[in-house]
Amino acid sequence: MGRVSGLWVCIFAPHPNRSTLLARQPTVGSSRPTLYTLPFWLLCISNFLFSASFSMMIPELPGYLKQIGGQDYLGWVIALFTLTAGLSRPFSGKITDTVGRVPVMAFGSVVCFICGLLYPFLITVAGFLTLRLVHGFSTGTKPTGTSAYVADVVPADRRGEAMGALGLFTATGMSLGPVIGSFLVNNASMNTMFYTSSGFALLSIGILLRLPETLENPQPFRFNLLRLQKDEWFDWGVRWPFFVQLLASFASGAVITLAPALSESVGVANKGWFFAVYTLASLLVRLTLSKSSDRYGRVPVLIGANVILAVSLVMLSMTDSIALFYASAILYGMAWGMNSPTVQAWTVDLSDDATRGRAVATTYIALEAGIGIGALAAGWFYTHMPDSALQTAFGLSAALATVGVIFLFWVKGKTFNV
């Protein structure tokens, strides 16, 4: 019992000497700063739990909304979530740059924890949609603090590798989460799934308490910090990764909204399998290609990622068999396994140290806006064009990804330092 309680204190108690922990460097071999520090690993584990927490609901929420009479609002399941996520990004960026990285990450996990507990009690369509709106604050805050934190603790020439390593844990959480969620719904109940999601978020919070703050001279939180100046809403310096992310993310909104229907159409009972396969493919790509953008440049890697994304979406629009269903999921996951860490690393490259949180938030606004618009469009197609919804939504997504490829070639022609 003593050992168990000691381990509990070790994991969940705040660290007593943050500056000492953060400053640790390897003393054997090379003097090169280490990438895989204790704070980095703790952040990875917290990210795994957070990702599993919110993603385990994704494949089951459209069916749940139908059960409570909200079949006309399928597109809003994701759109409302991303609306508040996107709107909160500029605020989370400023708080990340002033109050600290860790408080912003903790706030996001706390929102996930509370929302998971509330879903079983808000069983009207209005209550459910309101909670989805609130739940969006979780992903509007934690990823902003996470990306800024990673940029603080890793060497600049290994950011792509670091984002890829962090993404491994994120992808694993997003891979296991939907499968766990659908398993719990099929074998227990929807409420069991909601409470499990809340439990994962609680564990994420506990681990964050062990992280040292990396922001120099953090300020106490004050409400006037939420008053933003015009230049604090958007970081113009990261406009290129913003636009690329916006175009690619439309596909995510369409896929998240329509993948459960696609699963049913080809006879896959567990709606989480599409998400599991594509995130596992993403994980494998991150394992094998995590250093590629550090070596070859951000833009060349993104060109390849968006070409693969467009091909996967064309395949999805033609899917009529389980084999094509899984092949499309694999290519889709490969594309995002290359895209996500590279866009994040590119954003950090273009940002100033003093406004890194704002820069990261700007790119995440593109992510949320693209997902939200894609989800709304897919929901509209599903309601008004049921016979051709899948082909139309995925075909449009492929076209936008192709526009992204053309834009990246234009960027590559303007500068060689990308």
Protein backbone atom coordinates (compact mmCIF):
# COMPACT_ATOMS: atom_id res chain seq x y z
CA MET A 1 0.00 0.00 0.00
CA GLY A 2 2.88 2.34 0.82
CA ARG A 3 4.40 1.79 -2.61
CA VAL A 4 1.10 2.46 -4.35
CA SER A 5 0.46 5.68 -2.45
CA GLY A 6 4.04 6.79 -3.09
CA LEU A 7 3.62 6.19 -6.81
CA TRP A 8 0.34 8.13 -6.75
CA VAL A 9 2.03 11.12 -5.14
CA CYS A 10 4.94 10.91 -7.60
CA ILE A 11 2.64 11.04 -10.61
CA PHE A 12 0.04 13.54 -9.50
CA ALA A 13 1.81 15.98 -7.17
CA PRO A 14 3.13 19.22 -8.73
CA HIS A 15 6.86 19.12 -9.32
CA PRO A 16 8.80 20.95 -6.59
CA ASN A 17 11.68 22.22 -8.73
CA ARG A 18 10.53 23.00 -12.22
CA SER A 19 13.55 24.89 -13.46
CA THR A 20 15.91 22.09 -12.42
CA LEU A 21 13.84 19.43 -14.19
CA LEU A 22 13.59 21.47 -17.36
CA ALA A 23 17.30 22.22 -17.45
CA ARG A 24 18.46 18.60 -17.32
CA GLN A 25 20.70 17.68 -20.24
CA PRO A 26 22.57 14.48 -21.07
CA THR A 27 26.08 14.31 -19.69
CA VAL A 28 27.29 11.22 -21.55
CA GLY A 29 28.24 11.24 -25.22
CA SER A 30 27.23 14.31 -27.20
CA SER A 31 26.55 17.72 -25.73
CA ARG A 32 23.62 18.07 -28.14
CA PRO A 33 20.40 18.92 -26.25
CA THR A 34 18.22 15.88 -25.68
CA LEU A 35 14.79 15.59 -27.25
CA TYR A 36 13.20 12.93 -25.05
CA THR A 37 13.10 14.52 -21.60
CA LEU A 38 10.75 13.60 -18.76
CA PRO A 39 8.47 16.62 -19.41
CA PHE A 40 8.24 15.59 -23.07
CA TRP A 41 7.19 12.02 -22.21
CA LEU A 42 4.66 13.21 -19.63
CA LEU A 43 3.18 15.54 -22.23
CA CYS A 44 2.94 12.67 -24.71
CA ILE A 45 1.08 10.45 -22.22
CA SER A 46 -1.28 13.27 -21.31
CA ASN A 47 -1.96 13.87 -24.99
CA PHE A 48 -2.74 10.19 -25.53
CA LEU A 49 -5.35 10.23 -22.76
CA PHE A 50 -6.85 13.53 -23.92
CA SER A 51 -7.12 12.35 -27.54
CA ALA A 52 -8.73 9.07 -26.53
CA SER A 53 -11.16 10.96 -24.29
CA PHE A 54 -12.80 13.12 -26.93
CA SER A 55 -12.34 10.78 -29.91
CA MET A 56 -14.09 7.78 -28.37
CA MET A 57 -17.40 9.63 -28.76
CA ILE A 58 -17.00 10.54 -32.44
CA PRO A 59 -18.34 7.42 -34.21
CA GLU A 60 -21.34 7.01 -31.88
CA LEU A 61 -22.61 10.58 -31.56
CA PRO A 62 -24.43 10.75 -34.95
CA GLY A 63 -26.44 7.63 -34.05
CA TYR A 64 -27.05 8.96 -30.55
CA LEU A 65 -28.36 12.24 -31.95
CA LYS A 66 -30.75 10.30 -34.20
CA GLN A 67 -32.04 8.37 -31.17
CA ILE A 68 -32.99 11.56 -29.34
CA GLY A 69 -34.71 13.01 -32.42
CA GLY A 70 -31.96 15.16 -33.89
CA GLN A 71 -31.42 13.46 -37.25
CA ASP A 72 -31.71 16.83 -39.03
CA TYR A 73 -28.70 18.18 -37.11
CA LEU A 74 -26.03 15.58 -37.89
CA GLY A 75 -23.66 18.16 -39.34
CA TRP A 76 -23.84 20.19 -36.15
CA VAL A 77 -22.32 17.41 -34.00
CA ILE A 78 -18.85 18.34 -35.24
CA ALA A 79 -19.56 21.89 -36.45
CA LEU A 80 -20.58 23.22 -33.01
CA PHE A 81 -17.61 21.50 -31.41
CA THR A 82 -15.21 23.11 -33.86
CA LEU A 83 -16.97 26.49 -33.67
CA THR A 84 -16.06 27.08 -30.03
CA ALA A 85 -12.69 25.41 -30.55
CA GLY A 86 -11.90 27.89 -33.31
CA LEU A 87 -13.28 30.92 -31.47
CA SER A 88 -11.29 30.08 -28.36
CA ARG A 89 -7.97 29.75 -30.22
CA PRO A 90 -6.95 33.45 -30.16
CA PHE A 91 -7.72 33.60 -26.43
CA SER A 92 -5.88 30.37 -25.66
CA GLY A 93 -2.96 31.64 -27.71
CA LYS A 94 -2.71 34.84 -25.68
CA ILE A 95 -3.11 33.04 -22.35
CA THR A 96 -0.45 30.53 -23.45
CA ASP A 97 1.95 33.43 -24.12
CA THR A 98 1.18 35.26 -20.85
CA VAL A 99 -0.10 32.93 -18.10
CA GLY A 100 1.64 29.75 -19.21
CA ARG A 101 1.47 26.58 -21.26
CA VAL A 102 0.46 24.18 -18.48
CA PRO A 103 -2.66 26.08 -17.24
CA VAL A 104 -4.04 26.23 -20.79
CA MET A 105 -3.49 22.50 -21.29
CA ALA A 106 -5.07 21.70 -17.93
CA PHE A 107 -8.14 23.82 -18.73
CA GLY A 108 -8.75 21.83 -21.91
CA SER A 109 -8.60 18.51 -20.08
CA VAL A 110 -10.90 19.80 -17.32
CA VAL A 111 -13.53 20.75 -19.93
CA CYS A 112 -13.33 17.22 -21.37
CA PHE A 113 -13.75 15.73 -17.90
CA ILE A 114 -16.82 17.82 -17.02
CA CYS A 115 -18.55 17.36 -20.39
CA GLY A 116 -18.16 13.59 -20.24
CA LEU A 117 -20.03 13.60 -16.93
CA LEU A 118 -22.83 15.82 -18.27
CA TYR A 119 -23.76 14.02 -21.52
CA PRO A 120 -25.94 11.38 -19.76
CA PHE A 121 -28.05 14.11 -18.15
CA LEU A 122 -28.65 16.38 -21.16
CA ILE A 123 -30.82 14.10 -23.27
CA THR A 124 -32.70 16.68 -25.34
CA VAL A 125 -31.50 17.81 -28.75
CA ALA A 126 -31.00 21.38 -27.50
CA GLY A 127 -29.13 20.19 -24.41
CA PHE A 128 -26.92 17.87 -26.43
CA LEU A 129 -26.00 20.53 -29.00
CA THR A 130 -25.30 23.06 -26.24
CA LEU A 131 -22.93 20.61 -24.58
CA ARG A 132 -21.17 19.99 -27.89
CA LEU A 133 -20.64 23.75 -28.08
CA VAL A 134 -19.06 23.79 -24.62
CA HIS A 135 -17.04 20.63 -25.27
CA GLY A 136 -15.27 22.40 -28.13
CA PHE A 137 -13.37 24.58 -25.67
CA SER A 138 -11.31 21.50 -24.80
CA THR A 139 -9.64 21.17 -28.20
CA GLY A 140 -9.55 24.95 -28.52
CA THR A 141 -7.13 25.18 -25.62
CA LYS A 142 -5.11 22.05 -24.88
CA PRO A 143 -3.49 21.59 -28.32
CA THR A 144 -2.44 25.26 -28.37
CA GLY A 145 -0.60 24.92 -25.07
CA THR A 146 0.79 21.54 -26.11
CA SER A 147 2.37 22.75 -29.35
CA ALA A 148 3.90 25.80 -27.66
CA TYR A 149 5.24 23.59 -24.85
CA VAL A 150 6.87 21.17 -27.28
CA ALA A 151 8.51 24.03 -29.18
CA ASP A 152 9.93 25.27 -25.86
CA VAL A 153 11.54 22.01 -24.78
CA VAL A 154 13.00 20.58 -28.00
CA PRO A 155 15.91 21.76 -30.19
CA ALA A 156 14.85 23.88 -33.16
CA ASP A 157 16.44 21.52 -35.69
CA ARG A 158 14.42 18.57 -34.34
CA ARG A 159 10.95 20.12 -34.21
CA GLY A 160 9.59 17.95 -37.01
CA GLU A 161 10.82 14.84 -35.20
CA ALA A 162 9.35 16.07 -31.91
CA MET A 163 5.96 16.86 -33.43
CA GLY A 164 5.99 13.42 -35.04
CA ALA A 165 6.80 11.71 -31.73
CA LEU A 166 4.07 13.64 -29.93
CA GLY A 167 1.75 12.79 -32.79
CA LEU A 168 2.40 9.08 -32.24
CA PHE A 169 0.73 9.31 -28.86
CA THR A 170 -2.05 11.52 -30.20
CA ALA A 171 -2.67 9.13 -33.08
CA THR A 172 -2.67 6.13 -30.74
CA GLY A 173 -5.27 7.82 -28.55
CA MET A 174 -7.40 8.72 -31.54
CA SER A 175 -7.01 5.19 -32.89
CA LEU A 176 -7.99 3.36 -29.71
CA GLY A 177 -10.60 5.89 -28.58
CA PRO A 178 -13.25 5.24 -31.27
CA VAL A 179 -12.83 1.46 -31.00
CA ILE A 180 -13.17 1.62 -27.21
CA GLY A 181 -16.19 3.90 -27.54
CA SER A 182 -18.04 1.68 -29.99
CA PHE A 183 -17.13 -1.43 -27.97
CA LEU A 184 -18.56 0.12 -24.80
CA VAL A 185 -21.76 1.20 -26.56
CA ASN A 186 -22.26 -2.23 -28.16
CA ASN A 187 -21.46 -4.21 -25.00
CA ALA A 188 -22.48 -1.88 -22.17
CA SER A 189 -24.24 1.43 -22.77
CA MET A 190 -23.84 4.91 -24.18
CA ASN A 191 -23.55 6.32 -20.65
CA THR A 192 -20.70 3.93 -19.85
CA MET A 193 -18.85 5.33 -22.85
CA PHE A 194 -19.45 8.92 -21.67
CA TYR A 195 -18.15 8.17 -18.16
CA THR A 196 -15.10 6.35 -19.54
CA SER A 197 -14.32 9.39 -21.67
CA SER A 198 -14.49 11.54 -18.56
CA GLY A 199 -12.15 9.17 -16.72
CA PHE A 200 -9.52 9.39 -19.45
CA ALA A 201 -9.65 13.19 -19.25
CA LEU A 202 -9.19 13.06 -15.47
CA LEU A 203 -6.03 11.00 -15.86
CA SER A 204 -4.76 13.52 -18.40
CA ILE A 205 -5.25 16.31 -15.85
CA GLY A 206 -3.33 14.39 -13.20
CA ILE A 207 -0.32 13.92 -15.44
CA LEU A 208 -0.27 17.60 -16.41
CA LEU A 209 0.28 18.48 -12.76
CA ARG A 210 3.73 16.91 -13.05
CA LEU A 211 4.81 19.16 -15.92
CA PRO A 212 7.19 22.09 -15.30
CA GLU A 213 6.07 25.41 -16.74
CA THR A 214 8.26 26.52 -19.66
CA LEU A 215 7.07 30.10 -20.12
CA GLU A 216 9.54 32.60 -18.69
CA ASN A 217 8.02 35.04 -16.19
CA PRO A 218 4.39 33.82 -16.35
CA GLN A 219 1.73 36.28 -15.21
CA PRO A 220 -1.24 35.56 -12.93
CA PHE A 221 -4.49 35.16 -14.84
CA ARG A 222 -6.57 38.34 -15.15
CA PHE A 223 -9.81 38.70 -17.05
CA ASN A 224 -8.49 41.71 -18.94
CA LEU A 225 -6.06 39.31 -20.65
CA LEU A 226 -9.10 38.09 -22.58
CA ARG A 227 -9.40 41.49 -24.26
CA LEU A 228 -7.66 41.06 -27.58
CA GLN A 229 -6.15 43.72 -29.79
CA LYS A 230 -6.65 43.49 -33.54
CA ASP A 231 -3.24 41.93 -34.15
CA GLU A 232 -3.84 39.28 -31.47
CA TRP A 233 -6.61 37.51 -33.38
CA PHE A 234 -4.45 36.31 -36.25
CA ASP A 235 -0.71 35.87 -36.85
CA TRP A 236 -0.11 36.99 -40.43
CA GLY A 237 3.34 35.42 -40.40
CA VAL A 238 1.86 31.90 -40.52
CA ARG A 239 -0.68 32.59 -43.29
CA TRP A 240 0.78 29.91 -45.59
CA PRO A 241 0.40 26.95 -43.20
CA PHE A 242 -2.98 28.44 -42.21
CA PHE A 243 -4.30 28.22 -45.79
CA VAL A 244 -2.91 24.73 -46.38
CA GLN A 245 -4.46 23.51 -43.13
CA LEU A 246 -7.82 25.10 -43.96
CA LEU A 247 -8.08 23.34 -47.32
CA ALA A 248 -7.02 19.94 -45.99
CA SER A 249 -9.21 20.11 -42.89
CA PHE A 250 -12.44 20.31 -44.90
CA ALA A 251 -11.88 16.61 -45.59
CA SER A 252 -11.65 15.86 -41.87
CA GLY A 253 -15.07 17.39 -41.23
CA ALA A 254 -16.60 15.37 -44.06
CA VAL A 255 -14.93 12.13 -42.98
CA ILE A 256 -15.81 12.49 -39.29
CA THR A 257 -19.46 13.18 -40.18
CA LEU A 258 -19.96 10.54 -42.87
CA ALA A 259 -17.56 7.71 -41.93
CA PRO A 260 -20.18 6.05 -39.66
CA ALA A 261 -22.69 6.02 -42.54
CA LEU A 262 -20.01 4.72 -44.90
CA SER A 263 -19.19 1.95 -42.40
CA GLU A 264 -22.81 0.84 -42.35
CA SER A 265 -23.07 0.93 -46.15
CA VAL A 266 -20.23 -1.59 -46.58
CA GLY A 267 -21.27 -3.78 -43.63
CA VAL A 268 -18.75 -2.80 -40.93
CA ALA A 269 -20.64 -2.99 -37.61
CA ASN A 270 -18.12 -1.22 -35.36
CA LYS A 271 -18.20 2.39 -36.54
CA GLY A 272 -14.87 3.03 -34.87
CA TRP A 273 -12.87 0.79 -37.19
CA PHE A 274 -12.43 3.38 -39.94
CA PHE A 275 -11.01 5.83 -37.39
CA ALA A 276 -8.82 3.11 -35.89
CA VAL A 277 -7.34 2.06 -39.24
CA TYR A 278 -6.58 5.55 -40.46
CA THR A 279 -5.05 6.65 -37.17
CA LEU A 280 -2.93 3.48 -37.01
CA ALA A 281 -1.70 4.25 -40.52
CA SER A 282 -0.98 7.78 -39.36
CA LEU A 283 0.94 6.39 -36.39
CA LEU A 284 3.12 4.17 -38.59
CA VAL A 285 3.94 7.09 -40.88
CA ARG A 286 4.93 9.22 -37.90
CA LEU A 287 7.19 6.39 -36.68
CA THR A 288 9.00 6.00 -39.98
CA LEU A 289 8.95 9.54 -41.40
CA SER A 290 9.09 11.77 -38.31
CA LYS A 291 12.38 13.35 -39.41
CA SER A 292 11.46 13.80 -43.07
CA SER A 293 10.41 17.46 -42.91
CA ASP A 294 13.53 18.33 -40.90
CA ARG A 295 15.61 16.73 -43.65
CA TYR A 296 13.78 17.61 -46.88
CA GLY A 297 11.80 20.71 -45.90
CA ARG A 298 8.24 21.39 -44.80
CA VAL A 299 6.72 22.22 -48.19
CA PRO A 300 7.98 19.16 -50.15
CA VAL A 301 6.61 16.85 -47.44
CA LEU A 302 3.28 18.70 -47.43
CA ILE A 303 3.01 18.40 -51.20
CA GLY A 304 3.33 14.63 -50.90
CA ALA A 305 0.88 14.52 -48.00
CA ASN A 306 -1.81 16.47 -49.85
CA VAL A 307 -1.42 14.39 -53.02
CA ILE A 308 -1.99 11.23 -50.97
CA LEU A 309 -4.92 12.93 -49.21
CA ALA A 310 -6.59 13.77 -52.55
CA VAL A 311 -6.13 10.20 -53.81
CA SER A 312 -7.60 8.72 -50.61
CA LEU A 313 -10.65 10.96 -50.88
CA VAL A 314 -11.28 9.98 -54.50
CA MET A 315 -11.12 6.35 -53.37
CA LEU A 316 -13.56 7.08 -50.54
CA SER A 317 -16.01 8.62 -52.99
CA MET A 318 -15.98 5.33 -54.94
CA THR A 319 -15.99 2.94 -51.95
CA ASP A 320 -18.41 0.04 -52.38
CA SER A 321 -16.50 -2.78 -50.68
CA ILE A 322 -14.76 -3.47 -47.39
CA ALA A 323 -11.39 -3.78 -49.15
CA LEU A 324 -11.65 -0.32 -50.72
CA PHE A 325 -13.01 1.02 -47.44
CA TYR A 326 -9.89 -0.02 -45.53
CA ALA A 327 -7.49 0.89 -48.35
CA SER A 328 -8.94 4.41 -48.37
CA ALA A 329 -8.60 4.64 -44.59
CA ILE A 330 -4.93 3.61 -44.78
CA LEU A 331 -4.07 6.25 -47.39
CA TYR A 332 -6.09 8.88 -45.54
CA GLY A 333 -4.16 8.11 -42.35
CA MET A 334 -0.83 8.22 -44.16
CA ALA A 335 -1.67 11.67 -45.49
CA TRP A 336 -2.50 13.07 -42.06
CA GLY A 337 0.49 11.33 -40.49
CA MET A 338 2.66 13.47 -42.74
CA ASN A 339 0.49 16.59 -42.73
CA SER A 340 -0.17 17.30 -39.06
CA PRO A 341 3.37 17.34 -37.59
CA THR A 342 4.74 19.13 -40.65
CA VAL A 343 2.19 21.95 -40.52
CA GLN A 344 2.88 22.35 -36.79
CA ALA A 345 6.64 22.44 -37.32
CA TRP A 346 6.28 24.90 -40.20
CA THR A 347 4.11 27.14 -38.03
CA VAL A 348 6.69 27.17 -35.25
CA ASP A 349 9.44 27.90 -37.79
CA LEU A 350 7.61 31.03 -38.93
CA SER A 351 6.65 32.24 -35.45
CA ASP A 352 8.36 34.59 -33.00
CA ASP A 353 9.27 33.22 -29.58
CA ALA A 354 7.21 35.90 -27.82
CA THR A 355 4.03 35.14 -29.80
CA ARG A 356 4.41 31.41 -30.38
CA GLY A 357 1.07 30.65 -28.75
CA ARG A 358 -0.69 33.08 -31.09
CA ALA A 359 0.97 31.53 -34.14
CA VAL A 360 0.00 28.01 -33.10
CA ALA A 361 -3.55 29.19 -32.34
CA THR A 362 -3.81 30.74 -35.81
CA THR A 363 -3.05 27.45 -37.54
CA TYR A 364 -5.47 25.62 -35.25
CA ILE A 365 -8.18 28.12 -36.22
CA ALA A 366 -7.72 26.89 -39.78
CA LEU A 367 -8.04 23.30 -38.56
CA GLU A 368 -11.27 23.98 -36.66
CA ALA A 369 -12.76 26.15 -39.41
CA GLY A 370 -12.02 23.56 -42.07
CA ILE A 371 -13.44 20.71 -40.00
CA GLY A 372 -16.54 22.73 -39.07
CA ILE A 373 -17.29 23.81 -42.64
CA GLY A 374 -16.64 20.31 -43.93
CA ALA A 375 -18.94 18.80 -41.30
CA LEU A 376 -21.75 21.24 -42.07
CA ALA A 377 -21.43 20.64 -45.80
CA ALA A 378 -21.38 16.86 -45.33
CA GLY A 379 -24.41 17.01 -43.03
CA TRP A 380 -26.29 19.11 -45.59
CA PHE A 381 -25.43 16.68 -48.39
CA TYR A 382 -26.54 13.74 -46.23
CA THR A 383 -29.89 15.37 -45.45
CA HIS A 384 -30.72 16.84 -48.87
CA MET A 385 -28.84 14.52 -51.25
CA PRO A 386 -28.86 11.14 -49.48
CA ASP A 387 -28.21 9.09 -52.63
CA SER A 388 -25.05 10.99 -53.59
CA ALA A 389 -23.94 12.53 -50.29
CA LEU A 390 -20.81 10.41 -49.89
CA GLN A 391 -19.62 10.91 -53.46
CA THR A 392 -20.29 14.66 -53.37
CA ALA A 393 -18.70 15.34 -49.98
CA PHE A 394 -15.57 13.28 -50.58
CA GLY A 395 -15.22 14.49 -54.18
CA LEU A 396 -15.36 18.13 -53.05
CA SER A 397 -12.81 17.36 -50.32
CA ALA A 398 -10.46 15.85 -52.90
CA ALA A 399 -10.78 18.96 -55.07
CA LEU A 400 -9.85 21.23 -52.15
CA ALA A 401 -6.85 19.05 -51.29
CA THR A 402 -5.73 19.41 -54.91
CA VAL A 403 -5.99 23.19 -54.61
CA GLY A 404 -3.70 22.85 -51.59
CA VAL A 405 -1.12 21.00 -53.69
CA ILE A 406 -1.18 23.74 -56.34
CA PHE A 407 -0.78 26.40 -53.65
CA LEU A 408 2.18 24.57 -52.11
CA PHE A 409 3.95 24.42 -55.47
CA TRP A 410 3.44 28.19 -55.69
CA VAL A 411 4.95 28.64 -52.22
CA LYS A 412 7.87 26.40 -53.16
CA GLY A 413 8.52 28.58 -56.18
CA LYS A 414 8.64 31.72 -54.05
CA THR A 415 11.24 30.54 -51.57
CA PHE A 416 13.65 27.66 -51.09
CA ASN A 417 13.82 28.01 -47.29
CA VAL A 418 10.74 25.88 -46.57
